Amino acid sequence: MRPSLLLFSLVLPLALPLALPLAAGSALAQASAGADPACAGKPPAALPASLADWRTPDAMEAAGNAKTAAKAALKPGAAVRATLLPTPKVAYPVRPEKPGGTVSYGGLFRFTVAREGVWRVALGSAAWVDVVRDGKAMRSVAHGHGPACSGVRKMVDYRLTPGTYTLQVAANGSDSLTLLVTPQP
């Protein structure tokens, strides 16, 4: 046997057990980011008008505390591809019901509601979200999933009055997330 083949046959059995968890972790990251294997090769699903900007997100960095959240200002109806922080680096104004662990990611964002009504938070993953105002988490009025094969994994609706709100994202499985906050008709 040639020396290079001999070395390969000795190293492969040692390297394979190390490579499998990395491949599984990559699949897990894709799943937590909203990638659906059932949608592979299919055209993207049609989106309702309120989610029209979903496929053209702008980049944004999440804030790590309430003082810097104004720098992470969301424009209603405009999607962002947010870079999140490791959970231990986020000081949530209100403790999330599902904060995630030390290996999860999260962050804070601000948005302003101009008119009273139902507002939707759309996410590309199953992360936990809270909408906070004056130190209190608002109660959601509906939960759901986005259209199949759209990349919208989760939608949460809140009845909000005019004012400024903090959006808390917690327990995300990766360090980035597409999100959008939009009023409902």
Protein backbone atom coordinates (compact mmCIF):
# COMPACT_ATOMS: atom_id res chain seq x y z
CA MET A 1 0.00 0.00 0.00
CA ARG A 2 1.29 3.47 -0.87
CA PRO A 3 2.25 5.60 2.16
CA SER A 4 -0.37 8.30 1.38
CA LEU A 5 -3.17 5.72 1.18
CA LEU A 6 -1.96 4.09 4.37
CA LEU A 7 -2.04 7.45 6.17
CA PHE A 8 -5.53 8.20 4.77
CA SER A 9 -6.85 4.79 5.90
CA LEU A 10 -5.50 5.44 9.40
CA VAL A 11 -6.75 9.05 9.70
CA LEU A 12 -10.24 8.63 8.19
CA PRO A 13 -11.63 6.44 10.99
CA LEU A 14 -10.40 9.02 13.51
CA ALA A 15 -11.70 12.07 11.60
CA LEU A 16 -15.16 10.75 10.73
CA PRO A 17 -16.56 10.80 14.29
CA LEU A 18 -15.41 14.43 14.58
CA ALA A 19 -16.94 15.47 11.25
CA LEU A 20 -20.39 14.00 11.84
CA PRO A 21 -21.34 16.30 14.75
CA LEU A 22 -20.18 19.31 12.69
CA ALA A 23 -22.39 18.28 9.78
CA ALA A 24 -25.32 17.71 12.14
CA GLY A 25 -24.70 21.10 13.74
CA SER A 26 -24.80 22.73 10.32
CA ALA A 27 -28.16 21.09 9.57
CA LEU A 28 -29.45 22.24 12.96
CA ALA A 29 -28.32 25.80 12.26
CA GLN A 30 -30.10 25.73 8.89
CA ALA A 31 -33.27 24.42 10.51
CA SER A 32 -33.19 27.07 13.23
CA ALA A 33 -32.67 29.72 10.56
CA GLY A 34 -35.90 28.71 8.85
CA ALA A 35 -34.55 26.50 6.03
CA ASP A 36 -37.12 23.80 5.27
CA PRO A 37 -35.71 20.72 3.47
CA ALA A 38 -39.20 20.05 2.03
CA CYS A 39 -38.89 23.33 0.10
CA ALA A 40 -35.61 22.48 -1.65
CA GLY A 41 -35.94 23.08 -5.38
CA LYS A 42 -39.36 24.74 -5.05
CA PRO A 43 -39.94 28.39 -5.93
CA PRO A 44 -40.42 30.72 -2.94
CA ALA A 45 -44.01 30.99 -1.72
CA ALA A 46 -46.04 34.10 -2.42
CA LEU A 47 -46.14 36.54 0.49
CA PRO A 48 -48.99 38.79 1.65
CA ALA A 49 -48.48 42.54 1.12
CA SER A 50 -47.60 43.07 4.79
CA LEU A 51 -44.56 40.77 4.36
CA ALA A 52 -43.55 42.01 0.89
CA ASP A 53 -40.12 43.23 2.09
CA TRP A 54 -39.21 39.85 3.69
CA ARG A 55 -36.89 38.73 0.88
CA THR A 56 -34.85 41.96 0.75
CA PRO A 57 -33.70 42.50 4.35
CA ASP A 58 -31.21 45.18 5.34
CA ALA A 59 -28.36 44.27 7.69
CA MET A 60 -28.66 45.39 11.31
CA GLU A 61 -26.87 44.62 14.57
CA ALA A 62 -28.96 43.89 17.64
CA ALA A 63 -28.47 45.98 20.77
CA GLY A 64 -27.32 44.38 24.00
CA ASN A 65 -29.17 46.66 26.44
CA ALA A 66 -32.03 49.17 26.62
CA LYS A 67 -29.69 52.19 26.43
CA THR A 68 -28.34 51.15 23.03
CA ALA A 69 -31.59 49.73 21.61
CA ALA A 70 -32.39 53.03 19.85
CA LYS A 71 -29.43 52.29 17.53
CA ALA A 72 -31.25 49.12 16.44
CA ALA A 73 -34.39 50.89 15.23
CA LEU A 74 -36.75 48.83 13.09
CA LYS A 75 -38.78 50.52 10.39
CA PRO A 76 -42.31 49.06 10.26
CA GLY A 77 -42.74 46.90 7.16
CA ALA A 78 -39.00 46.68 6.46
CA ALA A 79 -37.23 43.35 6.99
CA VAL A 80 -33.80 43.15 8.61
CA ARG A 81 -31.19 40.42 8.72
CA ALA A 82 -30.11 40.91 12.30
CA THR A 83 -26.78 39.93 13.78
CA LEU A 84 -27.51 38.72 17.31
CA LEU A 85 -25.39 38.57 20.46
CA PRO A 86 -24.58 35.59 22.67
CA THR A 87 -27.33 35.43 25.31
CA PRO A 88 -25.00 36.21 28.26
CA LYS A 89 -24.20 39.59 26.61
CA VAL A 90 -27.86 40.72 26.46
CA ALA A 91 -29.44 42.66 29.35
CA TYR A 92 -33.16 42.15 28.71
CA PRO A 93 -35.47 44.84 30.14
CA VAL A 94 -37.93 42.05 31.02
CA ARG A 95 -36.75 38.49 31.59
CA PRO A 96 -37.93 36.43 28.61
CA GLU A 97 -40.17 33.49 29.46
CA LYS A 98 -37.78 31.35 27.38
CA PRO A 99 -34.40 33.11 27.65
CA GLY A 100 -32.30 30.36 26.07
CA GLY A 101 -29.02 29.13 27.40
CA THR A 102 -25.46 30.33 27.21
CA VAL A 103 -25.08 28.90 23.70
CA SER A 104 -28.13 30.72 22.29
CA TYR A 105 -28.37 34.22 20.80
CA GLY A 106 -30.59 37.23 21.24
CA GLY A 107 -30.83 40.98 21.15
CA LEU A 108 -32.93 44.10 21.45
CA PHE A 109 -34.56 46.34 18.84
CA ARG A 110 -36.80 49.41 18.97
CA PHE A 111 -39.80 50.30 16.86
CA THR A 112 -42.43 53.00 16.93
CA VAL A 113 -46.14 52.43 16.53
CA ALA A 114 -47.89 55.36 14.82
CA ARG A 115 -51.43 53.99 14.90
CA GLU A 116 -53.31 51.68 17.23
CA GLY A 117 -54.00 48.19 15.97
CA VAL A 118 -52.63 44.70 15.59
CA TRP A 119 -48.91 44.53 14.84
CA ARG A 120 -47.13 41.40 13.63
CA VAL A 121 -43.60 40.25 14.41
CA ALA A 122 -42.39 37.82 11.72
CA LEU A 123 -39.29 35.69 12.35
CA GLY A 124 -37.17 33.36 10.26
CA SER A 125 -36.70 31.00 13.22
CA ALA A 126 -38.50 29.73 16.30
CA ALA A 127 -36.77 32.28 18.58
CA TRP A 128 -38.69 33.65 21.56
CA VAL A 129 -39.93 37.24 21.19
CA ASP A 130 -41.41 39.76 23.58
CA VAL A 131 -42.69 43.25 22.83
CA VAL A 132 -41.97 45.45 25.86
CA ARG A 133 -43.20 48.90 26.88
CA ASP A 134 -42.76 50.68 30.20
CA GLY A 135 -41.10 47.62 31.76
CA LYS A 136 -43.95 45.23 30.88
CA ALA A 137 -44.19 42.54 28.22
CA MET A 138 -47.27 42.94 26.04
CA ARG A 139 -49.60 39.97 25.69
CA SER A 140 -49.76 38.42 22.27
CA VAL A 141 -53.16 38.05 20.61
CA ALA A 142 -52.23 35.41 17.99
CA HIS A 143 -49.42 33.03 16.97
CA GLY A 144 -48.81 31.28 13.70
CA HIS A 145 -46.45 30.21 10.98
CA GLY A 146 -45.66 32.02 7.77
CA PRO A 147 -46.66 30.68 4.37
CA ALA A 148 -45.02 27.32 3.58
CA CYS A 149 -41.64 27.69 1.83
CA SER A 150 -41.55 31.46 2.49
CA GLY A 151 -38.74 31.48 5.07
CA VAL A 152 -41.14 32.97 7.65
CA ARG A 153 -41.01 30.42 10.44
CA LYS A 154 -43.02 32.19 13.16
CA MET A 155 -45.45 35.10 13.44
CA VAL A 156 -46.70 36.67 16.66
CA ASP A 157 -49.38 39.39 16.77
CA TYR A 158 -49.81 42.08 19.43
CA ARG A 159 -52.50 44.74 19.92
CA LEU A 160 -50.48 47.94 20.38
CA THR A 161 -51.22 51.62 20.99
CA PRO A 162 -49.08 54.49 19.66
CA GLY A 163 -45.64 54.76 21.26
CA THR A 164 -42.15 53.28 21.29
CA TYR A 165 -41.61 49.59 22.01
CA THR A 166 -38.64 47.29 22.56
CA LEU A 167 -38.57 43.99 20.72
CA GLN A 168 -36.68 41.32 22.66
CA VAL A 169 -35.37 38.30 20.75
CA ALA A 170 -34.19 35.36 22.86
CA ALA A 171 -33.25 31.69 22.51
CA ASN A 172 -32.23 31.82 18.85
CA GLY A 173 -30.11 28.89 17.69
CA SER A 174 -27.79 30.96 15.47
CA ASP A 175 -26.20 34.40 15.54
CA SER A 176 -28.39 35.83 12.79
CA LEU A 177 -32.10 36.11 12.16
CA THR A 178 -34.40 37.69 9.60
CA LEU A 179 -37.23 39.63 11.24
CA LEU A 180 -39.91 42.14 10.34
CA VAL A 181 -42.43 44.17 12.36
CA THR A 182 -45.50 45.35 10.48
CA PRO A 183 -49.01 46.66 11.13
CA GLN A 184 -51.86 44.42 10.08
CA PRO A 185 -54.73 45.73 7.93
